[in-house]
């Protein structure tokens, strides 16, 4: 459901991805997901109606803290995940997407 909302938002706003990976066909397991997340400087993760922010440089979170934000119940990277330079958006929140896509 959330991925569908993301696709609809991107289409509505005319944004296209440089690269796209189908999370159902090409999963990214927990340790690899954490490694990907650690390349970012900030993570914004949507959990329910909350958007949690983690500054990896300032907060210096543990791998477990990062995994709690980016790894879903399946043990894989949560979808949708969008990387914008050094910012990682996990889950979909229209306001957060708009903030980073239209600066």
PDB file of N, CA and C in Angstrom:
ATOM      1  N   UNK A   1       0.825  -1.201   0.000  1.00  0.00           N
ATOM      2  CA  UNK A   1       0.000   0.000   0.000  1.00  0.00           C
ATOM      3  C   UNK A   1       0.863   1.257   0.000  1.00  0.00           C
ATOM      4  N   UNK A   2       1.865   1.305   0.868  1.00  0.00           N
ATOM      5  CA  UNK A   2       2.702   2.488   0.955  1.00  0.00           C
ATOM      6  C   UNK A   2       3.483   2.701  -0.337  1.00  0.00           C
ATOM      7  N   UNK A   3       3.985   1.626  -0.948  1.00  0.00           N
ATOM      8  CA  UNK A   3       4.727   1.766  -2.202  1.00  0.00           C
ATOM      9  C   UNK A   3       3.821   2.330  -3.288  1.00  0.00           C
ATOM     10  N   UNK A   4       2.570   1.914  -3.280  1.00  0.00           N
ATOM     11  CA  UNK A   4       1.624   2.429  -4.267  1.00  0.00           C
ATOM     12  C   UNK A   4       1.435   3.936  -4.064  1.00  0.00           C
ATOM     13  N   UNK A   5       1.309   4.362  -2.822  1.00  0.00           N
ATOM     14  CA  UNK A   5       1.173   5.788  -2.537  1.00  0.00           C
ATOM     15  C   UNK A   5       2.408   6.547  -3.004  1.00  0.00           C
ATOM     16  N   UNK A   6       3.558   5.968  -2.817  1.00  0.00           N
ATOM     17  CA  UNK A   6       4.796   6.594  -3.255  1.00  0.00           C
ATOM     18  C   UNK A   6       4.815   6.744  -4.767  1.00  0.00           C
ATOM     19  N   UNK A   7       4.477   5.669  -5.474  1.00  0.00           N
ATOM     20  CA  UNK A   7       4.443   5.715  -6.941  1.00  0.00           C
ATOM     21  C   UNK A   7       3.459   6.772  -7.427  1.00  0.00           C
ATOM     22  N   UNK A   8       2.298   6.834  -6.800  1.00  0.00           N
ATOM     23  CA  UNK A   8       1.288   7.825  -7.179  1.00  0.00           C
ATOM     24  C   UNK A   8       1.806   9.249  -6.936  1.00  0.00           C
ATOM     25  N   UNK A   9       2.460   9.466  -5.804  1.00  0.00           N
ATOM     26  CA  UNK A   9       3.013  10.782  -5.480  1.00  0.00           C
ATOM     27  C   UNK A   9       4.067  11.188  -6.511  1.00  0.00           C
ATOM     28  N   UNK A  10       4.981  10.280  -6.812  1.00  0.00           N
ATOM     29  CA  UNK A  10       6.045  10.588  -7.763  1.00  0.00           C
ATOM     30  C   UNK A  10       5.474  10.884  -9.151  1.00  0.00           C
ATOM     31  N   UNK A  11       4.487  10.100  -9.570  1.00  0.00           N
ATOM     32  CA  UNK A  11       3.860  10.336 -10.875  1.00  0.00           C
ATOM     33  C   UNK A  11       3.131  11.677 -10.894  1.00  0.00           C
ATOM     34  N   UNK A  12       2.421  11.972  -9.830  1.00  0.00           N
ATOM     35  CA  UNK A  12       1.642  13.216  -9.738  1.00  0.00           C
ATOM     36  C   UNK A  12       2.550  14.446  -9.757  1.00  0.00           C
ATOM     37  N   UNK A  13       3.723  14.325  -9.187  1.00  0.00           N
ATOM     38  CA  UNK A  13       4.634  15.463  -9.099  1.00  0.00           C
ATOM     39  C   UNK A  13       5.661  15.489 -10.231  1.00  0.00           C
ATOM     40  N   UNK A  14       5.630  14.480 -11.092  1.00  0.00           N
ATOM     41  CA  UNK A  14       6.537  14.450 -12.234  1.00  0.00           C
ATOM     42  C   UNK A  14       7.965  14.072 -11.901  1.00  0.00           C
ATOM     43  N   UNK A  15       8.169  13.416 -10.779  1.00  0.00           N
ATOM     44  CA  UNK A  15       9.508  13.006 -10.360  1.00  0.00           C
ATOM     45  C   UNK A  15       9.759  11.583 -10.858  1.00  0.00           C
ATOM     46  N   UNK A  16      10.942  11.364 -11.427  1.00  0.00           N
ATOM     47  CA  UNK A  16      11.315  10.015 -11.849  1.00  0.00           C
ATOM     48  C   UNK A  16      12.585   9.596 -11.130  1.00  0.00           C
ATOM     49  N   UNK A  17      12.666   8.329 -10.842  1.00  0.00           N
ATOM     50  CA  UNK A  17      13.831   7.785 -10.152  1.00  0.00           C
ATOM     51  C   UNK A  17      14.939   7.483 -11.153  1.00  0.00           C
ATOM     52  N   UNK A  18      16.179   7.682 -10.750  1.00  0.00           N
ATOM     53  CA  UNK A  18      17.317   7.306 -11.602  1.00  0.00           C
ATOM     54  C   UNK A  18      17.447   5.795 -11.671  1.00  0.00           C
ATOM     55  N   UNK A  19      17.193   5.151 -10.542  1.00  0.00           N
ATOM     56  CA  UNK A  19      17.268   3.688 -10.463  1.00  0.00           C
ATOM     57  C   UNK A  19      16.172   3.217  -9.526  1.00  0.00           C
ATOM     58  N   UNK A  20      15.620   2.071  -9.838  1.00  0.00           N
ATOM     59  CA  UNK A  20      14.544   1.524  -9.026  1.00  0.00           C
ATOM     60  C   UNK A  20      14.778   0.025  -8.862  1.00  0.00           C
ATOM     61  N   UNK A  21      14.497  -0.464  -7.668  1.00  0.00           N
ATOM     62  CA  UNK A  21      14.665  -1.883  -7.381  1.00  0.00           C
ATOM     63  C   UNK A  21      13.387  -2.398  -6.751  1.00  0.00           C
ATOM     64  N   UNK A  22      12.857  -3.482  -7.273  1.00  0.00           N
ATOM     65  CA  UNK A  22      11.638  -4.078  -6.743  1.00  0.00           C
ATOM     66  C   UNK A  22      11.989  -4.855  -5.479  1.00  0.00           C
ATOM     67  N   UNK A  23      11.506  -4.373  -4.345  1.00  0.00           N
ATOM     68  CA  UNK A  23      11.851  -4.971  -3.048  1.00  0.00           C
ATOM     69  C   UNK A  23      11.310  -6.385  -2.888  1.00  0.00           C
ATOM     70  N   UNK A  24      10.282  -6.736  -3.623  1.00  0.00           N
ATOM     71  CA  UNK A  24       9.745  -8.096  -3.533  1.00  0.00           C
ATOM     72  C   UNK A  24      10.598  -9.089  -4.312  1.00  0.00           C
ATOM     73  N   UNK A  25      11.199  -8.635  -5.394  1.00  0.00           N
ATOM     74  CA  UNK A  25      11.999  -9.518  -6.238  1.00  0.00           C
ATOM     75  C   UNK A  25      13.470  -9.513  -5.859  1.00  0.00           C
ATOM     76  N   UNK A  26      13.967  -8.372  -5.395  1.00  0.00           N
ATOM     77  CA  UNK A  26      15.385  -8.222  -5.056  1.00  0.00           C
ATOM     78  C   UNK A  26      15.494  -7.677  -3.632  1.00  0.00           C
ATOM     79  N   UNK A  27      15.412  -8.557  -2.658  1.00  0.00           N
ATOM     80  CA  UNK A  27      15.432  -8.117  -1.263  1.00  0.00           C
ATOM     81  C   UNK A  27      16.840  -7.722  -0.831  1.00  0.00           C
ATOM     82  N   UNK A  28      16.889  -6.844   0.151  1.00  0.00           N
ATOM     83  CA  UNK A  28      18.145  -6.428   0.753  1.00  0.00           C
ATOM     84  C   UNK A  28      18.033  -6.801   2.231  1.00  0.00           C
ATOM     85  N   UNK A  29      18.806  -7.792   2.628  1.00  0.00           N
ATOM     86  CA  UNK A  29      18.719  -8.340   3.984  1.00  0.00           C
ATOM     87  C   UNK A  29      19.231  -7.352   5.032  1.00  0.00           C
ATOM     88  N   UNK A  30      18.888  -7.617   6.282  1.00  0.00           N
ATOM     89  CA  UNK A  30      19.153  -6.732   7.408  1.00  0.00           C
ATOM     90  C   UNK A  30      20.530  -6.125   7.485  1.00  0.00           C
ATOM     91  N   UNK A  31      21.589  -6.937   7.488  1.00  0.00           N
ATOM     92  CA  UNK A  31      22.945  -6.412   7.625  1.00  0.00           C
ATOM     93  C   UNK A  31      23.308  -5.528   6.435  1.00  0.00           C
ATOM     94  N   UNK A  32      22.899  -5.923   5.240  1.00  0.00           N
ATOM     95  CA  UNK A  32      23.171  -5.113   4.053  1.00  0.00           C
ATOM     96  C   UNK A  32      22.366  -3.814   4.091  1.00  0.00           C
ATOM     97  N   UNK A  33      21.134  -3.897   4.595  1.00  0.00           N
ATOM     98  CA  UNK A  33      20.293  -2.703   4.721  1.00  0.00           C
ATOM     99  C   UNK A  33      20.932  -1.698   5.682  1.00  0.00           C
ATOM    100  N   UNK A  34      21.468  -2.184   6.780  1.00  0.00           N
ATOM    101  CA  UNK A  34      22.144  -1.309   7.744  1.00  0.00           C
ATOM    102  C   UNK A  34      23.393  -0.695   7.109  1.00  0.00           C
ATOM    103  N   UNK A  35      24.141  -1.485   6.351  1.00  0.00           N
ATOM    104  CA  UNK A  35      25.340  -0.973   5.678  1.00  0.00           C
ATOM    105  C   UNK A  35      24.976   0.133   4.688  1.00  0.00           C
ATOM    106  N   UNK A  36      23.889  -0.045   3.962  1.00  0.00           N
ATOM    107  CA  UNK A  36      23.416   0.983   3.029  1.00  0.00           C
ATOM    108  C   UNK A  36      23.029   2.243   3.803  1.00  0.00           C
ATOM    109  N   UNK A  37      22.301   2.058   4.891  1.00  0.00           N
ATOM    110  CA  UNK A  37      21.848   3.199   5.695  1.00  0.00           C
ATOM    111  C   UNK A  37      23.015   3.962   6.290  1.00  0.00           C
ATOM    112  N   UNK A  38      24.078   3.281   6.646  1.00  0.00           N
ATOM    113  CA  UNK A  38      25.229   3.936   7.262  1.00  0.00           C
ATOM    114  C   UNK A  38      26.001   4.817   6.286  1.00  0.00           C
ATOM    115  N   UNK A  39      25.714   4.694   5.005  1.00  0.00           N
ATOM    116  CA  UNK A  39      26.344   5.565   4.000  1.00  0.00           C
ATOM    117  C   UNK A  39      25.662   6.931   3.963  1.00  0.00           C
ATOM    118  N   UNK A  40      24.482   7.014   4.563  1.00  0.00           N
ATOM    119  CA  UNK A  40      23.740   8.278   4.621  1.00  0.00           C
ATOM    120  C   UNK A  40      24.234   9.100   5.805  1.00  0.00           C
ATOM    121  N   UNK A  41      23.922  10.383   5.782  1.00  0.00           N
ATOM    122  CA  UNK A  41      24.241  11.208   6.948  1.00  0.00           C
ATOM    123  C   UNK A  41      22.995  11.416   7.803  1.00  0.00           C
ATOM    124  N   UNK A  42      21.809  11.265   7.169  1.00  0.00           N
ATOM    125  CA  UNK A  42      20.553  11.401   7.895  1.00  0.00           C
ATOM    126  C   UNK A  42      19.552  10.367   7.404  1.00  0.00           C
ATOM    127  N   UNK A  43      18.719   9.900   8.333  1.00  0.00           N
ATOM    128  CA  UNK A  43      17.633   8.978   7.998  1.00  0.00           C
ATOM    129  C   UNK A  43      16.340   9.584   8.517  1.00  0.00           C
ATOM    130  N   UNK A  44      15.336   9.592   7.660  1.00  0.00           N
ATOM    131  CA  UNK A  44      13.976   9.966   8.045  1.00  0.00           C
ATOM    132  C   UNK A  44      13.133   8.726   7.821  1.00  0.00           C
ATOM    133  N   UNK A  45      12.602   8.157   8.891  1.00  0.00           N
ATOM    134  CA  UNK A  45      11.839   6.921   8.789  1.00  0.00           C
ATOM    135  C   UNK A  45      10.410   7.155   9.256  1.00  0.00           C
ATOM    136  N   UNK A  46       9.477   6.788   8.414  1.00  0.00           N
ATOM    137  CA  UNK A  46       8.066   6.910   8.750  1.00  0.00           C
ATOM    138  C   UNK A  46       7.612   5.620   9.408  1.00  0.00           C
ATOM    139  N   UNK A  47       7.074   5.756  10.595  1.00  0.00           N
ATOM    140  CA  UNK A  47       6.515   4.615  11.330  1.00  0.00           C
ATOM    141  C   UNK A  47       5.112   5.028  11.748  1.00  0.00           C
ATOM    142  N   UNK A  48       4.104   4.458  11.088  1.00  0.00           N
ATOM    143  CA  UNK A  48       2.736   4.887  11.336  1.00  0.00           C
ATOM    144  C   UNK A  48       2.575   6.309  10.848  1.00  0.00           C
ATOM    145  N   UNK A  49       2.147   7.202  11.721  1.00  0.00           N
ATOM    146  CA  UNK A  49       1.981   8.607  11.343  1.00  0.00           C
ATOM    147  C   UNK A  49       3.152   9.466  11.801  1.00  0.00           C
ATOM    148  N   UNK A  50       4.139   8.827  12.448  1.00  0.00           N
ATOM    149  CA  UNK A  50       5.310   9.549  12.938  1.00  0.00           C
ATOM    150  C   UNK A  50       6.453   9.469  11.934  1.00  0.00           C
ATOM    151  N   UNK A  51       7.209  10.550  11.859  1.00  0.00           N
ATOM    152  CA  UNK A  51       8.439  10.560  11.070  1.00  0.00           C
ATOM    153  C   UNK A  51       9.584  10.735  12.060  1.00  0.00           C
ATOM    154  N   UNK A  52      10.432   9.722  12.129  1.00  0.00           N
ATOM    155  CA  UNK A  52      11.567   9.749  13.050  1.00  0.00           C
ATOM    156  C   UNK A  52      12.813  10.191  12.297  1.00  0.00           C
ATOM    157  N   UNK A  53      13.603  11.048  12.919  1.00  0.00           N
ATOM    158  CA  UNK A  53      14.816  11.566  12.283  1.00  0.00           C
ATOM    159  C   UNK A  53      16.027  11.087  13.054  1.00  0.00           C
ATOM    160  N   UNK A  54      17.034  10.654  12.316  1.00  0.00           N
ATOM    161  CA  UNK A  54      18.277  10.202  12.922  1.00  0.00           C
ATOM    162  C   UNK A  54      19.434  10.826  12.152  1.00  0.00           C
ATOM    163  N   UNK A  55      20.260  11.594  12.846  1.00  0.00           N
ATOM    164  CA  UNK A  55      21.446  12.197  12.254  1.00  0.00           C
ATOM    165  C   UNK A  55      22.611  11.270  12.578  1.00  0.00           C
ATOM    166  N   UNK A  56      23.093  10.543  11.584  1.00  0.00           N
ATOM    167  CA  UNK A  56      24.115   9.537  11.836  1.00  0.00           C
ATOM    168  C   UNK A  56      25.449  10.128  12.266  1.00  0.00           C
ATOM    169  N   UNK A  57      25.756  11.331  11.815  1.00  0.00           N
ATOM    170  CA  UNK A  57      27.028  11.965  12.191  1.00  0.00           C
ATOM    171  C   UNK A  57      26.973  12.454  13.639  1.00  0.00           C
ATOM    172  N   UNK A  58      25.899  13.105  14.001  1.00  0.00           N
ATOM    173  CA  UNK A  58      25.771  13.712  15.322  1.00  0.00           C
ATOM    174  C   UNK A  58      25.378  12.672  16.387  1.00  0.00           C
ATOM    175  N   UNK A  59      24.380  11.849  16.075  1.00  0.00           N
ATOM    176  CA  UNK A  59      23.837  10.910  17.064  1.00  0.00           C
ATOM    177  C   UNK A  59      24.681   9.652  17.240  1.00  0.00           C
ATOM    178  N   UNK A  60      25.451   9.281  16.225  1.00  0.00           N
ATOM    179  CA  UNK A  60      26.268   8.070  16.236  1.00  0.00           C
ATOM    180  C   UNK A  60      25.500   6.857  16.766  1.00  0.00           C
ATOM    181  N   UNK A  61      24.403   6.488  16.081  1.00  0.00           N
ATOM    182  CA  UNK A  61      23.576   5.377  16.543  1.00  0.00           C
ATOM    183  C   UNK A  61      24.258   4.021  16.339  1.00  0.00           C
ATOM    184  N   UNK A  62      23.821   3.062  17.126  1.00  0.00           N
ATOM    185  CA  UNK A  62      24.331   1.692  16.981  1.00  0.00           C
ATOM    186  C   UNK A  62      23.675   1.052  15.753  1.00  0.00           C
ATOM    187  N   UNK A  63      24.244  -0.058  15.315  1.00  0.00           N
ATOM    188  CA  UNK A  63      23.645  -0.795  14.194  1.00  0.00           C
ATOM    189  C   UNK A  63      22.220  -1.231  14.533  1.00  0.00           C
ATOM    190  N   UNK A  64      21.971  -1.554  15.791  1.00  0.00           N
ATOM    191  CA  UNK A  64      20.636  -1.984  16.215  1.00  0.00           C
ATOM    192  C   UNK A  64      19.627  -0.844  16.095  1.00  0.00           C
ATOM    193  N   UNK A  65      20.059   0.367  16.449  1.00  0.00           N
ATOM    194  CA  UNK A  65      19.174   1.537  16.339  1.00  0.00           C
ATOM    195  C   UNK A  65      18.851   1.831  14.876  1.00  0.00           C
ATOM    196  N   UNK A  66      19.852   1.706  14.031  1.00  0.00           N
ATOM    197  CA  UNK A  66      19.629   1.921  12.604  1.00  0.00           C
ATOM    198  C   UNK A  66      18.700   0.844  12.058  1.00  0.00           C
ATOM    199  N   UNK A  67      18.956  -0.393  12.409  1.00  0.00           N
ATOM    200  CA  UNK A  67      18.123  -1.511  11.937  1.00  0.00           C
ATOM    201  C   UNK A  67      16.671  -1.333  12.358  1.00  0.00           C
ATOM    202  N   UNK A  68      16.439  -0.804  13.544  1.00  0.00           N
ATOM    203  CA  UNK A  68      15.067  -0.597  14.015  1.00  0.00           C
ATOM    204  C   UNK A  68      14.295   0.338  13.095  1.00  0.00           C
ATOM    205  N   UNK A  69      14.991   1.238  12.416  1.00  0.00           N
ATOM    206  CA  UNK A  69      14.341   2.186  11.509  1.00  0.00           C
ATOM    207  C   UNK A  69      14.241   1.675  10.078  1.00  0.00           C
ATOM    208  N   UNK A  70      15.253   0.930   9.619  1.00  0.00           N
ATOM    209  CA  UNK A  70      15.306   0.596   8.192  1.00  0.00           C
ATOM    210  C   UNK A  70      14.954  -0.838   7.846  1.00  0.00           C
ATOM    211  N   UNK A  71      14.938  -1.726   8.834  1.00  0.00           N
ATOM    212  CA  UNK A  71      14.631  -3.134   8.574  1.00  0.00           C
ATOM    213  C   UNK A  71      13.220  -3.438   9.059  1.00  0.00           C
ATOM    214  N   UNK A  72      12.451  -4.057   8.169  1.00  0.00           N
ATOM    215  CA  UNK A  72      11.060  -4.386   8.499  1.00  0.00           C
ATOM    216  C   UNK A  72      10.935  -5.737   9.163  1.00  0.00           C
ATOM    217  N   UNK A  73       9.693  -6.167   9.441  1.00  0.00           N
ATOM    218  CA  UNK A  73       9.445  -7.449  10.094  1.00  0.00           C
ATOM    219  C   UNK A  73       9.930  -8.652   9.286  1.00  0.00           C
ATOM    220  N   UNK A  74      10.092  -8.475   7.981  1.00  0.00           N
ATOM    221  CA  UNK A  74      10.569  -9.573   7.129  1.00  0.00           C
ATOM    222  C   UNK A  74      12.072  -9.786   7.286  1.00  0.00           C
ATOM    223  N   UNK A  75      12.755  -8.821   7.928  1.00  0.00           N
ATOM    224  CA  UNK A  75      14.199  -8.899   8.067  1.00  0.00           C
ATOM    225  C   UNK A  75      14.931  -8.227   6.919  1.00  0.00           C
ATOM    226  N   UNK A  76      14.179  -7.582   6.040  1.00  0.00           N
ATOM    227  CA  UNK A  76      14.756  -6.910   4.873  1.00  0.00           C
ATOM    228  C   UNK A  76      14.553  -5.407   4.963  1.00  0.00           C
ATOM    229  N   UNK A  77      15.254  -4.682   4.086  1.00  0.00           N
ATOM    230  CA  UNK A  77      15.096  -3.239   3.999  1.00  0.00           C
ATOM    231  C   UNK A  77      13.632  -2.905   3.771  1.00  0.00           C
ATOM    232  N   UNK A  78      13.125  -1.964   4.556  1.00  0.00           N
ATOM    233  CA  UNK A  78      11.729  -1.547   4.417  1.00  0.00           C
ATOM    234  C   UNK A  78      11.521  -0.847   3.085  1.00  0.00           C
ATOM    235  N   UNK A  79      10.349  -1.053   2.547  1.00  0.00           N
ATOM    236  CA  UNK A  79       9.997  -0.391   1.282  1.00  0.00           C
ATOM    237  C   UNK A  79       8.798   0.495   1.534  1.00  0.00           C
ATOM    238  N   UNK A  80       8.756   1.637   0.900  1.00  0.00           N
ATOM    239  CA  UNK A  80       9.740   2.176  -0.017  1.00  0.00           C
ATOM    240  C   UNK A  80      10.886   2.851   0.728  1.00  0.00           C
ATOM    241  N   UNK A  81      12.042   2.815   0.117  1.00  0.00           N
ATOM    242  CA  UNK A  81      13.200   3.548   0.614  1.00  0.00           C
ATOM    243  C   UNK A  81      13.724   4.379  -0.541  1.00  0.00           C
ATOM    244  N   UNK A  82      13.978   5.634  -0.268  1.00  0.00           N
ATOM    245  CA  UNK A  82      14.432   6.571  -1.291  1.00  0.00           C
ATOM    246  C   UNK A  82      15.713   7.230  -0.800  1.00  0.00           C
ATOM    247  N   UNK A  83      16.753   7.189  -1.628  1.00  0.00           N
ATOM    248  CA  UNK A  83      18.006   7.847  -1.268  1.00  0.00           C
ATOM    249  C   UNK A  83      18.139   9.111  -2.100  1.00  0.00           C
ATOM    250  N   UNK A  84      18.330  10.222  -1.419  1.00  0.00           N
ATOM    251  CA  UNK A  84      18.538  11.518  -2.060  1.00  0.00           C
ATOM    252  C   UNK A  84      19.867  12.053  -1.566  1.00  0.00           C
ATOM    253  N   UNK A  85      20.918  11.792  -2.301  1.00  0.00           N
ATOM    254  CA  UNK A  85      22.248  12.187  -1.856  1.00  0.00           C
ATOM    255  C   UNK A  85      22.607  11.478  -0.568  1.00  0.00           C
ATOM    256  N   UNK A  86      22.810  12.234   0.488  1.00  0.00           N
ATOM    257  CA  UNK A  86      23.184  11.667   1.791  1.00  0.00           C
ATOM    258  C   UNK A  86      21.991  11.501   2.733  1.00  0.00           C
ATOM    259  N   UNK A  87      20.778  11.668   2.195  1.00  0.00           N
ATOM    260  CA  UNK A  87      19.563  11.519   3.001  1.00  0.00           C
ATOM    261  C   UNK A  87      18.829  10.253   2.565  1.00  0.00           C
ATOM    262  N   UNK A  88      18.409   9.456   3.540  1.00  0.00           N
ATOM    263  CA  UNK A  88      17.660   8.236   3.275  1.00  0.00           C
ATOM    264  C   UNK A  88      16.257   8.406   3.831  1.00  0.00           C
ATOM    265  N   UNK A  89      15.255   8.246   2.970  1.00  0.00           N
ATOM    266  CA  UNK A  89      13.857   8.313   3.394  1.00  0.00           C
ATOM    267  C   UNK A  89      13.318   6.890   3.398  1.00  0.00           C
ATOM    268  N   UNK A  90      12.851   6.446   4.545  1.00  0.00           N
ATOM    269  CA  UNK A  90      12.352   5.083   4.692  1.00  0.00           C
ATOM    270  C   UNK A  90      10.872   5.158   5.028  1.00  0.00           C
ATOM    271  N   UNK A  91      10.052   4.439   4.260  1.00  0.00           N
ATOM    272  CA  UNK A  91       8.612   4.562   4.420  1.00  0.00           C
ATOM    273  C   UNK A  91       8.149   5.784   3.648  1.00  0.00           C
ATOM    274  N   UNK A  92       6.858   5.992   3.574  1.00  0.00           N
ATOM    275  CA  UNK A  92       6.348   7.116   2.797  1.00  0.00           C
ATOM    276  C   UNK A  92       5.591   8.097   3.672  1.00  0.00           C
ATOM    277  N   UNK A  93       5.994   9.349   3.578  1.00  0.00           N
ATOM    278  CA  UNK A  93       5.290  10.469   4.182  1.00  0.00           C
ATOM    279  C   UNK A  93       5.334  11.584   3.154  1.00  0.00           C
ATOM    280  N   UNK A  94       4.174  11.985   2.646  1.00  0.00           N
ATOM    281  CA  UNK A  94       4.122  12.956   1.558  1.00  0.00           C
ATOM    282  C   UNK A  94       4.831  14.265   1.903  1.00  0.00           C
ATOM    283  N   UNK A  95       4.644  14.748   3.100  1.00  0.00           N
ATOM    284  CA  UNK A  95       5.271  16.000   3.514  1.00  0.00           C
ATOM    285  C   UNK A  95       6.801  15.890   3.513  1.00  0.00           C
ATOM    286  N   UNK A  96       7.315  14.780   4.000  1.00  0.00           N
ATOM    287  CA  UNK A  96       8.759  14.575   4.028  1.00  0.00           C
ATOM    288  C   UNK A  96       9.317  14.452   2.621  1.00  0.00           C
ATOM    289  N   UNK A  97       8.635  13.694   1.766  1.00  0.00           N
ATOM    290  CA  UNK A  97       9.086  13.570   0.370  1.00  0.00           C
ATOM    291  C   UNK A  97       9.123  14.942  -0.289  1.00  0.00           C
ATOM    292  N   UNK A  98       8.060  15.712  -0.123  1.00  0.00           N
ATOM    293  CA  UNK A  98       7.988  17.039  -0.741  1.00  0.00           C
ATOM    294  C   UNK A  98       9.113  17.942  -0.238  1.00  0.00           C
ATOM    295  N   UNK A  99       9.393  17.860   1.062  1.00  0.00           N
ATOM    296  CA  UNK A  99      10.451  18.677   1.657  1.00  0.00           C
ATOM    297  C   UNK A  99      11.784  18.441   0.977  1.00  0.00           C
ATOM    298  N   UNK A 100      12.109  17.185   0.697  1.00  0.00           N
ATOM    299  CA  UNK A 100      13.419  16.873   0.141  1.00  0.00           C
ATOM    300  C   UNK A 100      13.461  16.884  -1.383  1.00  0.00           C
ATOM    301  N   UNK A 101      12.361  16.613  -2.020  1.00  0.00           N
ATOM    302  CA  UNK A 101      12.347  16.582  -3.483  1.00  0.00           C
ATOM    303  C   UNK A 101      12.238  17.956  -4.101  1.00  0.00           C
ATOM    304  N   UNK A 102      11.633  18.903  -3.365  1.00  0.00           N
ATOM    305  CA  UNK A 102      11.364  20.220  -3.938  1.00  0.00           C
ATOM    306  C   UNK A 102      12.010  21.353  -3.149  1.00  0.00           C
ATOM    307  N   UNK A 103      13.243  21.173  -2.731  1.00  0.00           N
ATOM    308  CA  UNK A 103      13.973  22.217  -2.001  1.00  0.00           C
ATOM    309  C   UNK A 103      14.325  23.344  -2.929  1.00  0.00           C
TER     310      UNK A 103
END
